[in-house]
Amino acid sequence: MLQLITSRKEEAQLVAKRRSKKRHSGRKWVVGILAIIVIFLGVYVGHHFYRIWNQQRIEQEAREKDRRAKQLFIQQVAPEAQAMQNTYHVYASITIAQAILESQWGTSKLASQYHNLFGIKGTGPNSQLMTTKEYVNGKWIVIKGRFRVYDSWSDSIKDHTRLMLNGTDTNQQNYDKVVHATSYQEAAQGLQDSGYATDPDYAQKLISVIKTYKLYNYDK
């Protein structure tokens, strides 16, 4: 009888051990699955933040490259613009701002291939047929015209100054408001009033560029 009781106790202990092992094994599986989920989420979140960081880095590098290119352009045209101002009283800030707007920071085909920074038109062998946009009757249209070709940007700036001083073939005083202006704001408005560009916001765009890049410092 005692032996039977002992045998049953041992059997119960074995059953209990098996159940304990099953529960322990089940917990291990749960822990393993949770660990895999945590690792997966960690990798996903890490990759997500890396992509954001990398995109921000690329955008920052692009902005910095653009900033350096613009600063280089200003440094390239500023000396001649200042020389023209010192001799002929055409604001350097106006000349630089016009060069920026008209040539798209020196990247337009007219500026990069033919050194024409200001969209000055011409005739004869020293001109090139190009397409351009003009504001006519309340809307922008594309037209073809002949534009002067120069050997350098410095030559283009000199010719721009001559245009301000000598005016057009039909009106030699056309740009007197620009030459005799007492501020770059007045000169910008003088250019618009004289019909230099067809853009109705031309003066404000010039003034905005001058303020944004502190081009008024080149007038000193």
N, C-alpha and C. Protein backbone atom coordinates (compact mmCIF):
# COMPACT_ATOMS: atom_id res chain seq x y z
N MET A 1 0.84 -1.21 0.00
CA MET A 1 0.00 0.00 0.00
C MET A 1 0.86 1.25 0.00
N LEU A 2 1.89 1.26 0.83
CA LEU A 2 2.82 2.40 0.91
C LEU A 2 3.56 2.59 -0.40
N GLN A 3 3.89 1.47 -1.01
CA GLN A 3 4.60 1.51 -2.29
C GLN A 3 3.72 2.12 -3.38
N LEU A 4 2.42 1.83 -3.32
CA LEU A 4 1.48 2.35 -4.31
C LEU A 4 1.35 3.87 -4.16
N ILE A 5 1.27 4.30 -2.89
CA ILE A 5 1.15 5.74 -2.64
C ILE A 5 2.39 6.47 -3.14
N THR A 6 3.57 5.89 -2.88
CA THR A 6 4.83 6.49 -3.32
C THR A 6 4.89 6.57 -4.84
N SER A 7 4.44 5.53 -5.52
CA SER A 7 4.45 5.50 -6.98
C SER A 7 3.56 6.60 -7.55
N ARG A 8 2.39 6.78 -6.91
CA ARG A 8 1.48 7.81 -7.39
C ARG A 8 2.07 9.22 -7.20
N LYS A 9 2.75 9.40 -6.08
CA LYS A 9 3.40 10.69 -5.82
C LYS A 9 4.46 10.98 -6.87
N GLU A 10 5.25 9.96 -7.19
CA GLU A 10 6.31 10.13 -8.21
C GLU A 10 5.69 10.45 -9.57
N GLU A 11 4.57 9.77 -9.88
CA GLU A 11 3.90 10.01 -11.15
C GLU A 11 3.37 11.44 -11.21
N ALA A 12 2.81 11.90 -10.07
CA ALA A 12 2.29 13.27 -10.02
C ALA A 12 3.40 14.29 -10.19
N GLN A 13 4.55 13.97 -9.59
CA GLN A 13 5.70 14.89 -9.72
C GLN A 13 6.19 14.95 -11.16
N LEU A 14 6.19 13.79 -11.83
CA LEU A 14 6.61 13.76 -13.24
C LEU A 14 5.67 14.58 -14.11
N VAL A 15 4.36 14.44 -13.84
CA VAL A 15 3.38 15.21 -14.60
C VAL A 15 3.58 16.70 -14.37
N ALA A 16 3.81 17.04 -13.10
CA ALA A 16 4.02 18.45 -12.76
C ALA A 16 5.26 19.00 -13.46
N LYS A 17 6.32 18.18 -13.52
CA LYS A 17 7.56 18.62 -14.18
C LYS A 17 7.32 18.84 -15.68
N ARG A 18 6.56 17.88 -16.28
CA ARG A 18 6.28 18.02 -17.71
C ARG A 18 5.50 19.30 -17.99
N ARG A 19 4.49 19.57 -17.16
CA ARG A 19 3.70 20.79 -17.32
C ARG A 19 4.56 22.04 -17.16
N SER A 20 5.47 21.97 -16.19
CA SER A 20 6.37 23.11 -15.94
C SER A 20 7.27 23.35 -17.14
N LYS A 21 7.77 22.23 -17.72
CA LYS A 21 8.64 22.36 -18.89
C LYS A 21 7.86 22.96 -20.07
N LYS A 22 6.59 22.50 -20.23
CA LYS A 22 5.77 23.03 -21.33
C LYS A 22 5.52 24.52 -21.17
N ARG A 23 5.21 24.93 -19.90
CA ARG A 23 4.98 26.34 -19.66
C ARG A 23 6.24 27.16 -19.91
N HIS A 24 7.38 26.61 -19.47
CA HIS A 24 8.66 27.29 -19.68
C HIS A 24 8.99 27.40 -21.16
N SER A 25 8.73 26.29 -21.87
CA SER A 25 8.97 26.29 -23.32
C SER A 25 8.07 27.30 -24.02
N GLY A 26 6.80 27.36 -23.57
CA GLY A 26 5.86 28.33 -24.15
C GLY A 26 6.31 29.76 -23.92
N ARG A 27 6.82 30.03 -22.70
CA ARG A 27 7.31 31.38 -22.40
C ARG A 27 8.51 31.73 -23.27
N LYS A 28 9.37 30.75 -23.51
CA LYS A 28 10.55 30.99 -24.36
C LYS A 28 10.12 31.37 -25.78
N TRP A 29 9.08 30.68 -26.28
CA TRP A 29 8.59 31.01 -27.61
C TRP A 29 8.04 32.44 -27.65
N VAL A 30 7.28 32.79 -26.63
CA VAL A 30 6.70 34.14 -26.56
C VAL A 30 7.80 35.19 -26.49
N VAL A 31 8.79 34.93 -25.63
CA VAL A 31 9.92 35.86 -25.50
C VAL A 31 10.67 35.98 -26.82
N GLY A 32 10.86 34.86 -27.49
CA GLY A 32 11.55 34.88 -28.78
C GLY A 32 10.82 35.68 -29.83
N ILE A 33 9.50 35.47 -29.90
CA ILE A 33 8.68 36.21 -30.86
C ILE A 33 8.70 37.71 -30.56
N LEU A 34 8.59 38.05 -29.26
CA LEU A 34 8.64 39.46 -28.87
C LEU A 34 9.99 40.08 -29.22
N ALA A 35 11.05 39.32 -29.02
CA ALA A 35 12.39 39.82 -29.35
C ALA A 35 12.52 40.10 -30.84
N ILE A 36 11.96 39.17 -31.64
CA ILE A 36 12.01 39.36 -33.10
C ILE A 36 11.22 40.61 -33.51
N ILE A 37 10.05 40.81 -32.88
CA ILE A 37 9.23 41.99 -33.18
C ILE A 37 9.96 43.26 -32.80
N VAL A 38 10.58 43.25 -31.62
CA VAL A 38 11.33 44.43 -31.17
C VAL A 38 12.48 44.74 -32.11
N ILE A 39 13.20 43.70 -32.53
CA ILE A 39 14.32 43.91 -33.45
C ILE A 39 13.81 44.45 -34.78
N PHE A 40 12.73 43.89 -35.28
CA PHE A 40 12.15 44.35 -36.55
C PHE A 40 11.73 45.81 -36.46
N LEU A 41 11.04 46.14 -35.37
CA LEU A 41 10.60 47.53 -35.19
C LEU A 41 11.80 48.47 -35.07
N GLY A 42 12.83 48.01 -34.37
CA GLY A 42 14.04 48.83 -34.22
C GLY A 42 14.70 49.11 -35.55
N VAL A 43 14.81 48.05 -36.38
CA VAL A 43 15.41 48.22 -37.71
C VAL A 43 14.56 49.15 -38.57
N TYR A 44 13.22 48.97 -38.51
CA TYR A 44 12.31 49.79 -39.31
C TYR A 44 12.39 51.26 -38.90
N VAL A 45 12.32 51.50 -37.60
CA VAL A 45 12.38 52.88 -37.10
C VAL A 45 13.74 53.50 -37.41
N GLY A 46 14.79 52.71 -37.20
CA GLY A 46 16.14 53.22 -37.50
C GLY A 46 16.30 53.58 -38.96
N HIS A 47 15.80 52.73 -39.84
CA HIS A 47 15.88 52.99 -41.27
C HIS A 47 15.06 54.22 -41.65
N HIS A 48 13.88 54.34 -41.02
CA HIS A 48 13.01 55.49 -41.28
C HIS A 48 13.71 56.79 -40.91
N PHE A 49 14.31 56.84 -39.73
CA PHE A 49 14.99 58.05 -39.29
C PHE A 49 16.25 58.31 -40.11
N TYR A 50 16.91 57.23 -40.55
CA TYR A 50 18.09 57.41 -41.41
C TYR A 50 17.69 58.04 -42.73
N ARG A 51 16.57 57.59 -43.31
CA ARG A 51 16.11 58.17 -44.57
C ARG A 51 15.79 59.65 -44.40
N ILE A 52 15.14 60.01 -43.30
CA ILE A 52 14.83 61.41 -43.03
C ILE A 52 16.11 62.22 -42.90
N TRP A 53 17.05 61.69 -42.10
CA TRP A 53 18.32 62.38 -41.89
C TRP A 53 19.09 62.54 -43.20
N ASN A 54 19.10 61.47 -44.01
CA ASN A 54 19.84 61.50 -45.27
C ASN A 54 19.22 62.49 -46.24
N GLN A 55 17.88 62.54 -46.29
CA GLN A 55 17.19 63.49 -47.16
C GLN A 55 17.48 64.91 -46.74
N GLN A 56 17.48 65.15 -45.43
CA GLN A 56 17.79 66.49 -44.92
C GLN A 56 19.22 66.87 -45.26
N ARG A 57 20.13 65.89 -45.17
CA ARG A 57 21.54 66.14 -45.51
C ARG A 57 21.69 66.50 -46.98
N ILE A 58 21.00 65.76 -47.84
CA ILE A 58 21.07 66.03 -49.29
C ILE A 58 20.51 67.42 -49.60
N GLU A 59 19.38 67.75 -48.98
CA GLU A 59 18.77 69.07 -49.20
C GLU A 59 19.67 70.18 -48.69
N GLN A 60 20.31 69.95 -47.55
CA GLN A 60 21.22 70.96 -46.99
C GLN A 60 22.42 71.16 -47.90
N GLU A 61 22.96 70.07 -48.44
CA GLU A 61 24.09 70.17 -49.36
C GLU A 61 23.69 70.90 -50.63
N ALA A 62 22.48 70.63 -51.11
CA ALA A 62 21.99 71.32 -52.32
C ALA A 62 21.84 72.81 -52.07
N ARG A 63 21.29 73.16 -50.89
CA ARG A 63 21.14 74.58 -50.55
C ARG A 63 22.50 75.26 -50.44
N GLU A 64 23.45 74.56 -49.85
CA GLU A 64 24.78 75.13 -49.68
C GLU A 64 25.48 75.30 -51.03
N LYS A 65 25.31 74.32 -51.91
CA LYS A 65 25.88 74.40 -53.26
C LYS A 65 25.28 75.57 -54.02
N ASP A 66 23.96 75.74 -53.90
CA ASP A 66 23.26 76.85 -54.56
C ASP A 66 23.74 78.18 -54.00
N ARG A 67 23.91 78.24 -52.68
CA ARG A 67 24.36 79.49 -52.04
C ARG A 67 25.76 79.86 -52.52
N ARG A 68 26.66 78.87 -52.59
CA ARG A 68 28.03 79.14 -53.05
C ARG A 68 28.06 79.59 -54.51
N ALA A 69 27.22 78.96 -55.35
CA ALA A 69 27.16 79.32 -56.77
C ALA A 69 26.68 80.76 -56.94
N LYS A 70 25.68 81.14 -56.17
CA LYS A 70 25.16 82.51 -56.26
C LYS A 70 26.18 83.52 -55.76
N GLN A 71 26.84 83.18 -54.67
CA GLN A 71 27.85 84.09 -54.14
C GLN A 71 29.00 84.25 -55.12
N LEU A 72 29.38 83.16 -55.79
CA LEU A 72 30.45 83.22 -56.78
C LEU A 72 30.05 84.12 -57.95
N PHE A 73 28.81 84.00 -58.39
CA PHE A 73 28.34 84.85 -59.50
C PHE A 73 28.42 86.32 -59.11
N ILE A 74 27.96 86.64 -57.91
CA ILE A 74 28.01 88.04 -57.45
C ILE A 74 29.46 88.53 -57.43
N GLN A 75 30.36 87.70 -56.93
CA GLN A 75 31.77 88.09 -56.86
C GLN A 75 32.37 88.29 -58.24
N GLN A 76 31.86 87.56 -59.24
CA GLN A 76 32.38 87.68 -60.60
C GLN A 76 31.94 88.96 -61.28
N VAL A 77 30.71 89.40 -61.03
CA VAL A 77 30.20 90.58 -61.74
C VAL A 77 30.34 91.87 -60.94
N ALA A 78 30.52 91.77 -59.63
CA ALA A 78 30.55 92.97 -58.79
C ALA A 78 31.67 93.95 -59.12
N PRO A 79 32.93 93.49 -59.33
CA PRO A 79 34.00 94.46 -59.58
C PRO A 79 33.74 95.37 -60.77
N GLU A 80 33.28 94.83 -61.89
CA GLU A 80 33.00 95.65 -63.07
C GLU A 80 31.80 96.56 -62.82
N ALA A 81 30.80 96.05 -62.11
CA ALA A 81 29.62 96.86 -61.79
C ALA A 81 30.02 98.05 -60.91
N GLN A 82 30.91 97.83 -59.97
CA GLN A 82 31.37 98.91 -59.11
C GLN A 82 32.22 99.92 -59.89
N ALA A 83 33.02 99.40 -60.81
CA ALA A 83 33.84 100.29 -61.63
C ALA A 83 32.94 101.21 -62.48
N MET A 84 31.87 100.65 -63.02
CA MET A 84 30.93 101.46 -63.81
C MET A 84 30.22 102.49 -62.93
N GLN A 85 29.90 102.10 -61.71
CA GLN A 85 29.25 103.04 -60.79
C GLN A 85 30.18 104.20 -60.45
N ASN A 86 31.43 103.88 -60.18
CA ASN A 86 32.39 104.92 -59.79
C ASN A 86 32.61 105.94 -60.90
N THR A 87 32.50 105.49 -62.15
CA THR A 87 32.75 106.38 -63.28
C THR A 87 31.48 107.04 -63.81
N TYR A 88 30.38 106.28 -63.84
CA TYR A 88 29.19 106.77 -64.54
C TYR A 88 27.94 106.87 -63.66
N HIS A 89 28.03 106.57 -62.40
CA HIS A 89 26.93 106.70 -61.46
C HIS A 89 25.72 105.84 -61.84
N VAL A 90 25.99 104.62 -62.24
CA VAL A 90 24.92 103.62 -62.40
C VAL A 90 25.08 102.66 -61.23
N TYR A 91 24.11 102.61 -60.35
CA TYR A 91 24.24 101.84 -59.12
C TYR A 91 24.70 100.41 -59.37
N ALA A 92 25.78 100.02 -58.67
CA ALA A 92 26.30 98.66 -58.80
C ALA A 92 25.25 97.63 -58.40
N SER A 93 24.49 97.94 -57.36
CA SER A 93 23.46 97.00 -56.90
C SER A 93 22.43 96.75 -57.99
N ILE A 94 22.08 97.79 -58.73
CA ILE A 94 21.12 97.67 -59.83
C ILE A 94 21.69 96.81 -60.95
N THR A 95 22.93 97.07 -61.30
CA THR A 95 23.58 96.30 -62.37
C THR A 95 23.66 94.82 -62.01
N ILE A 96 24.07 94.53 -60.77
CA ILE A 96 24.18 93.14 -60.32
C ILE A 96 22.81 92.47 -60.28
N ALA A 97 21.82 93.19 -59.73
CA ALA A 97 20.48 92.63 -59.63
C ALA A 97 19.89 92.35 -61.01
N GLN A 98 20.11 93.25 -61.94
CA GLN A 98 19.64 93.01 -63.31
C GLN A 98 20.32 91.79 -63.92
N ALA A 99 21.61 91.68 -63.70
CA ALA A 99 22.35 90.52 -64.22
C ALA A 99 21.78 89.23 -63.64
N ILE A 100 21.45 89.24 -62.36
CA ILE A 100 20.88 88.05 -61.71
C ILE A 100 19.54 87.67 -62.34
N LEU A 101 18.65 88.66 -62.46
CA LEU A 101 17.31 88.39 -62.99
C LEU A 101 17.34 88.02 -64.47
N GLU A 102 18.07 88.80 -65.25
CA GLU A 102 18.06 88.62 -66.70
C GLU A 102 18.78 87.35 -67.15
N SER A 103 19.81 86.94 -66.40
CA SER A 103 20.62 85.79 -66.83
C SER A 103 20.38 84.54 -65.99
N GLN A 104 19.47 84.65 -65.00
CA GLN A 104 19.22 83.52 -64.10
C GLN A 104 20.52 83.07 -63.44
N TRP A 105 21.17 84.06 -62.83
CA TRP A 105 22.44 83.83 -62.13
C TRP A 105 23.54 83.33 -63.08
N GLY A 106 23.50 83.82 -64.31
CA GLY A 106 24.54 83.46 -65.26
C GLY A 106 24.38 82.09 -65.89
N THR A 107 23.24 81.43 -65.65
CA THR A 107 23.05 80.07 -66.16
C THR A 107 22.28 80.00 -67.47
N SER A 108 21.65 81.10 -67.89
CA SER A 108 20.89 81.06 -69.14
C SER A 108 21.84 80.82 -70.32
N LYS A 109 21.29 80.32 -71.39
CA LYS A 109 22.10 80.06 -72.59
C LYS A 109 22.71 81.35 -73.11
N LEU A 110 21.93 82.43 -73.09
CA LEU A 110 22.41 83.72 -73.58
C LEU A 110 23.60 84.20 -72.76
N ALA A 111 23.57 83.97 -71.46
CA ALA A 111 24.66 84.42 -70.58
C ALA A 111 25.85 83.47 -70.59
N SER A 112 25.58 82.18 -70.54
CA SER A 112 26.66 81.21 -70.42
C SER A 112 27.41 80.98 -71.74
N GLN A 113 26.70 81.07 -72.88
CA GLN A 113 27.35 80.83 -74.16
C GLN A 113 27.75 82.11 -74.89
N TYR A 114 26.93 83.17 -74.70
CA TYR A 114 27.17 84.39 -75.47
C TYR A 114 27.50 85.60 -74.59
N HIS A 115 27.65 85.36 -73.28
CA HIS A 115 28.10 86.37 -72.31
C HIS A 115 27.19 87.60 -72.25
N ASN A 116 25.95 87.45 -72.67
CA ASN A 116 24.99 88.55 -72.60
C ASN A 116 24.19 88.40 -71.30
N LEU A 117 24.53 89.24 -70.31
CA LEU A 117 23.91 89.14 -68.99
C LEU A 117 22.56 89.83 -68.88
N PHE A 118 22.28 90.78 -69.77
CA PHE A 118 21.14 91.68 -69.58
C PHE A 118 20.05 91.55 -70.63
N GLY A 119 20.18 90.61 -71.52
CA GLY A 119 19.16 90.45 -72.56
C GLY A 119 19.11 91.61 -73.52
N ILE A 120 20.26 92.27 -73.72
CA ILE A 120 20.30 93.41 -74.64
C ILE A 120 20.25 92.90 -76.08
N LYS A 121 19.32 93.46 -76.84
CA LYS A 121 19.12 93.00 -78.20
C LYS A 121 20.11 93.67 -79.16
N GLY A 122 20.31 93.03 -80.31
CA GLY A 122 21.26 93.56 -81.29
C GLY A 122 20.95 93.07 -82.69
N THR A 123 21.78 93.50 -83.62
CA THR A 123 21.63 93.10 -85.02
C THR A 123 23.00 92.79 -85.59
N GLY A 124 23.00 92.22 -86.78
CA GLY A 124 24.27 91.98 -87.47
C GLY A 124 24.99 90.73 -87.02
N PRO A 125 26.25 90.60 -87.45
CA PRO A 125 27.01 89.37 -87.18
C PRO A 125 27.29 89.13 -85.70
N ASN A 126 27.37 90.20 -84.90
CA ASN A 126 27.62 90.03 -83.46
C ASN A 126 26.32 89.91 -82.67
N SER A 127 25.41 89.12 -83.21
CA SER A 127 24.14 88.87 -82.52
C SER A 127 23.73 87.43 -82.75
N GLN A 128 22.82 86.97 -81.92
CA GLN A 128 22.38 85.58 -81.99
C GLN A 128 20.87 85.53 -81.86
N LEU A 129 20.23 84.72 -82.73
CA LEU A 129 18.78 84.57 -82.68
C LEU A 129 18.41 83.64 -81.53
N MET A 130 17.55 84.13 -80.62
CA MET A 130 17.17 83.36 -79.44
C MET A 130 15.68 83.53 -79.19
N THR A 131 15.12 82.64 -78.37
CA THR A 131 13.74 82.80 -77.92
C THR A 131 13.75 83.44 -76.54
N THR A 132 12.72 84.22 -76.25
CA THR A 132 12.63 84.88 -74.95
C THR A 132 11.16 85.05 -74.58
N LYS A 133 10.90 85.35 -73.32
CA LYS A 133 9.54 85.60 -72.86
C LYS A 133 9.33 87.09 -72.63
N GLU A 134 8.17 87.57 -73.07
CA GLU A 134 7.81 88.97 -72.82
C GLU A 134 6.37 89.04 -72.35
N TYR A 135 6.10 90.04 -71.54
CA TYR A 135 4.76 90.23 -70.97
C TYR A 135 3.98 91.19 -71.87
N VAL A 136 3.01 90.65 -72.57
CA VAL A 136 2.25 91.45 -73.55
C VAL A 136 0.76 91.25 -73.31
N ASN A 137 0.05 92.38 -73.19
CA ASN A 137 -1.41 92.35 -73.02
C ASN A 137 -1.84 91.46 -71.85
N GLY A 138 -1.12 91.57 -70.75
CA GLY A 138 -1.51 90.86 -69.53
C GLY A 138 -1.13 89.40 -69.46
N LYS A 139 -0.29 88.94 -70.38
CA LYS A 139 0.13 87.54 -70.30
C LYS A 139 1.54 87.38 -70.90
N TRP A 140 2.21 86.30 -70.47
CA TRP A 140 3.56 86.01 -70.96
C TRP A 140 3.48 85.26 -72.28
N ILE A 141 4.28 85.71 -73.25
CA ILE A 141 4.34 85.02 -74.54
C ILE A 141 5.81 84.76 -74.89
N VAL A 142 6.04 83.77 -75.73
CA VAL A 142 7.39 83.43 -76.19
C VAL A 142 7.60 84.03 -77.58
N ILE A 143 8.68 84.78 -77.74
CA ILE A 143 8.99 85.38 -79.03
C ILE A 143 10.44 85.11 -79.39
N LYS A 144 10.78 85.34 -80.64
CA LYS A 144 12.17 85.22 -81.09
C LYS A 144 12.74 86.61 -81.32
N GLY A 145 14.02 86.76 -80.98
CA GLY A 145 14.69 88.03 -81.20
C GLY A 145 16.18 87.83 -81.32
N ARG A 146 16.88 88.85 -81.80
CA ARG A 146 18.34 88.78 -81.91
C ARG A 146 18.96 89.53 -80.73
N PHE A 147 19.95 88.89 -80.13
CA PHE A 147 20.59 89.44 -78.95
C PHE A 147 22.10 89.57 -79.17
N ARG A 148 22.67 90.59 -78.57
CA ARG A 148 24.09 90.86 -78.74
C ARG A 148 24.95 89.74 -78.14
N VAL A 149 26.09 89.54 -78.77
CA VAL A 149 27.06 88.55 -78.31
C VAL A 149 28.31 89.29 -77.83
N TYR A 150 28.83 88.89 -76.67
CA TYR A 150 30.01 89.54 -76.10
C TYR A 150 31.12 88.52 -75.87
N ASP A 151 32.32 89.03 -75.68
CA ASP A 151 33.47 88.17 -75.41
C ASP A 151 33.57 87.80 -73.93
N SER A 152 32.95 88.61 -73.08
CA SER A 152 33.04 88.36 -71.64
C SER A 152 31.88 89.03 -70.92
N TRP A 153 31.68 88.65 -69.68
CA TRP A 153 30.65 89.31 -68.86
C TRP A 153 31.03 90.77 -68.59
N SER A 154 32.31 91.05 -68.49
CA SER A 154 32.75 92.43 -68.27
C SER A 154 32.34 93.32 -69.44
N ASP A 155 32.48 92.78 -70.65
CA ASP A 155 32.06 93.54 -71.84
C ASP A 155 30.55 93.77 -71.82
N SER A 156 29.82 92.78 -71.35
CA SER A 156 28.37 92.91 -71.26
C SER A 156 27.98 94.00 -70.27
N ILE A 157 28.68 94.06 -69.15
CA ILE A 157 28.38 95.09 -68.14
C ILE A 157 28.72 96.48 -68.66
N LYS A 158 29.83 96.59 -69.36
CA LYS A 158 30.21 97.89 -69.96
C LYS A 158 29.15 98.35 -70.95
N ASP A 159 28.65 97.42 -71.77
CA ASP A 159 27.65 97.79 -72.77
C ASP A 159 26.32 98.16 -72.10
N HIS A 160 26.02 97.49 -71.02
CA HIS A 160 24.82 97.82 -70.25
C HIS A 160 24.90 99.26 -69.74
N THR A 161 26.07 99.65 -69.24
CA THR A 161 26.26 101.01 -68.76
C THR A 161 26.13 102.02 -69.89
N ARG A 162 26.69 101.68 -71.06
CA ARG A 162 26.56 102.58 -72.22
C ARG A 162 25.09 102.76 -72.60
N LEU A 163 24.33 101.69 -72.48
CA LEU A 163 22.90 101.78 -72.79
C LEU A 163 22.20 102.74 -71.82
N MET A 164 22.57 102.66 -70.54
CA MET A 164 21.98 103.56 -69.54
C MET A 164 22.34 105.01 -69.84
N LEU A 165 23.58 105.24 -70.29
CA LEU A 165 24.05 106.60 -70.53
C LEU A 165 23.53 107.17 -71.85
N ASN A 166 23.51 106.35 -72.89
CA ASN A 166 23.19 106.85 -74.23
C ASN A 166 21.74 106.64 -74.63
N GLY A 167 21.02 105.84 -73.87
CA GLY A 167 19.62 105.61 -74.19
C GLY A 167 19.44 104.74 -75.43
N THR A 168 18.25 104.80 -75.98
CA THR A 168 17.93 104.00 -77.15
C THR A 168 18.07 104.85 -78.42
N ASP A 169 17.94 104.21 -79.56
CA ASP A 169 18.04 104.93 -80.84
C ASP A 169 16.94 105.98 -80.95
N THR A 170 15.80 105.73 -80.38
CA THR A 170 14.67 106.65 -80.49
C THR A 170 14.58 107.65 -79.34
N ASN A 171 15.30 107.39 -78.25
CA ASN A 171 15.24 108.28 -77.09
C ASN A 171 16.53 108.21 -76.30
N GLN A 172 17.40 109.19 -76.53
CA GLN A 172 18.71 109.16 -75.88
C GLN A 172 18.62 109.42 -74.37
N GLN A 173 17.54 110.00 -73.90
CA GLN A 173 17.36 110.26 -72.47
C GLN A 173 16.49 109.19 -71.79
N ASN A 174 16.32 108.08 -72.45
CA ASN A 174 15.38 107.06 -71.97
C ASN A 174 15.68 106.58 -70.56
N TYR A 175 16.99 106.49 -70.21
CA TYR A 175 17.35 105.94 -68.90
C TYR A 175 17.94 106.99 -67.96
N ASP A 176 17.61 108.25 -68.21
CA ASP A 176 18.12 109.33 -67.35
C ASP A 176 17.69 109.14 -65.89
N LYS A 177 16.49 108.62 -65.67
CA LYS A 177 16.02 108.39 -64.31
C LYS A 177 16.90 107.38 -63.57
N VAL A 178 17.47 106.48 -64.32
CA VAL A 178 18.35 105.46 -63.72
C VAL A 178 19.70 106.08 -63.38
N VAL A 179 20.26 106.82 -64.31
CA VAL A 179 21.58 107.41 -64.13
C VAL A 179 21.57 108.47 -63.04
N HIS A 180 20.49 109.23 -62.95
CA HIS A 180 20.43 110.34 -61.99
C HIS A 180 19.68 109.97 -60.70
N ALA A 181 19.39 108.72 -60.50
CA ALA A 181 18.69 108.29 -59.30
C ALA A 181 19.54 108.53 -58.06
N THR A 182 18.88 108.77 -56.94
CA THR A 182 19.59 108.99 -55.68
C THR A 182 19.49 107.79 -54.74
N SER A 183 18.87 106.71 -55.21
CA SER A 183 18.80 105.46 -54.43
C SER A 183 18.57 104.31 -55.40
N TYR A 184 18.91 103.12 -54.96
CA TYR A 184 18.69 101.97 -55.85
C TYR A 184 17.20 101.73 -56.07
N GLN A 185 16.36 102.08 -55.09
CA GLN A 185 14.91 101.94 -55.27
C GLN A 185 14.42 102.85 -56.40
N GLU A 186 14.92 104.07 -56.39
CA GLU A 186 14.54 105.02 -57.44
C GLU A 186 15.05 104.56 -58.81
N ALA A 187 16.25 104.01 -58.82
CA ALA A 187 16.82 103.51 -60.08
C ALA A 187 16.02 102.33 -60.61
N ALA A 188 15.60 101.44 -59.70
CA ALA A 188 14.79 100.28 -60.10
C ALA A 188 13.47 100.72 -60.72
N GLN A 189 12.83 101.71 -60.10
CA GLN A 189 11.58 102.21 -60.64
C GLN A 189 11.81 102.93 -61.97
N GLY A 190 12.95 103.60 -62.09
CA GLY A 190 13.30 104.27 -63.34
C GLY A 190 13.43 103.28 -64.48
N LEU A 191 14.00 102.12 -64.21
CA LEU A 191 14.13 101.09 -65.23
C LEU A 191 12.76 100.60 -65.70
N GLN A 192 11.87 100.39 -64.75
CA GLN A 192 10.53 99.94 -65.13
C GLN A 192 9.78 101.01 -65.91
N ASP A 193 9.87 102.25 -65.44
CA ASP A 193 9.17 103.35 -66.12
C ASP A 193 9.69 103.57 -67.53
N SER A 194 10.97 103.28 -67.73
CA SER A 194 11.58 103.50 -69.05
C SER A 194 11.30 102.36 -70.01
N GLY A 195 10.67 101.29 -69.52
CA GLY A 195 10.32 100.17 -70.40
C GLY A 195 11.46 99.22 -70.66
N TYR A 196 12.45 99.18 -69.74
CA TYR A 196 13.57 98.26 -69.95
C TYR A 196 13.07 96.82 -70.07
N ALA A 197 12.13 96.44 -69.23
CA ALA A 197 11.56 95.09 -69.26
C ALA A 197 10.04 95.19 -69.32
N THR A 198 9.41 94.17 -69.87
CA THR A 198 7.95 94.17 -69.98
C THR A 198 7.28 93.65 -68.71
N ASP A 199 8.04 93.06 -67.82
CA ASP A 199 7.50 92.51 -66.56
C ASP A 199 6.95 93.66 -65.71
N PRO A 200 5.65 93.63 -65.37
CA PRO A 200 5.07 94.73 -64.58
C PRO A 200 5.61 94.80 -63.15
N ASP A 201 6.25 93.73 -62.69
CA ASP A 201 6.80 93.70 -61.32
C ASP A 201 8.32 93.83 -61.33
N TYR A 202 8.87 94.32 -62.43
CA TYR A 202 10.34 94.33 -62.59
C TYR A 202 11.03 95.12 -61.47
N ALA A 203 10.54 96.31 -61.16
CA ALA A 203 11.18 97.14 -60.13
C ALA A 203 11.19 96.43 -58.78
N GLN A 204 10.05 95.88 -58.41
CA GLN A 204 9.95 95.20 -57.11
C GLN A 204 10.85 93.96 -57.06
N LYS A 205 10.97 93.26 -58.16
CA LYS A 205 11.86 92.09 -58.20
C LYS A 205 13.31 92.51 -58.03
N LEU A 206 13.70 93.59 -58.67
CA LEU A 206 15.07 94.10 -58.51
C LEU A 206 15.33 94.48 -57.05
N ILE A 207 14.41 95.22 -56.48
CA ILE A 207 14.57 95.66 -55.09
C ILE A 207 14.63 94.46 -54.14
N SER A 208 13.80 93.46 -54.39
CA SER A 208 13.79 92.25 -53.56
C SER A 208 15.13 91.53 -53.62
N VAL A 209 15.68 91.39 -54.82
CA VAL A 209 16.98 90.73 -54.99
C VAL A 209 18.07 91.52 -54.26
N ILE A 210 18.04 92.82 -54.40
CA ILE A 210 19.05 93.68 -53.76
C ILE A 210 19.00 93.52 -52.24
N LYS A 211 17.79 93.51 -51.68
CA LYS A 211 17.65 93.36 -50.24
C LYS A 211 18.03 91.96 -49.77
N THR A 212 17.59 90.94 -50.50
CA THR A 212 17.85 89.56 -50.09
C THR A 212 19.34 89.26 -50.03
N TYR A 213 20.09 89.74 -51.02
CA TYR A 213 21.52 89.43 -51.08
C TYR A 213 22.41 90.60 -50.66
N LYS A 214 21.75 91.63 -50.06
CA LYS A 214 22.49 92.78 -49.53
C LYS A 214 23.40 93.41 -50.57
N LEU A 215 22.89 93.54 -51.79
CA LEU A 215 23.69 94.08 -52.89
C LEU A 215 23.95 95.58 -52.71
N TYR A 216 23.17 96.21 -51.84
CA TYR A 216 23.40 97.64 -51.57
C TYR A 216 24.76 97.90 -50.98
N ASN A 217 25.39 96.86 -50.42
CA ASN A 217 26.75 97.03 -49.89
C ASN A 217 27.76 97.34 -50.99
N TYR A 218 27.44 96.95 -52.22
CA TYR A 218 28.36 97.22 -53.35
C TYR A 218 28.21 98.64 -53.88
N ASP A 219 27.25 99.38 -53.35
CA ASP A 219 27.07 100.78 -53.76
C ASP A 219 27.99 101.72 -52.99
N LYS A 220 28.63 101.21 -51.95
CA LYS A 220 29.43 102.07 -51.07
C LYS A 220 30.79 102.34 -51.68
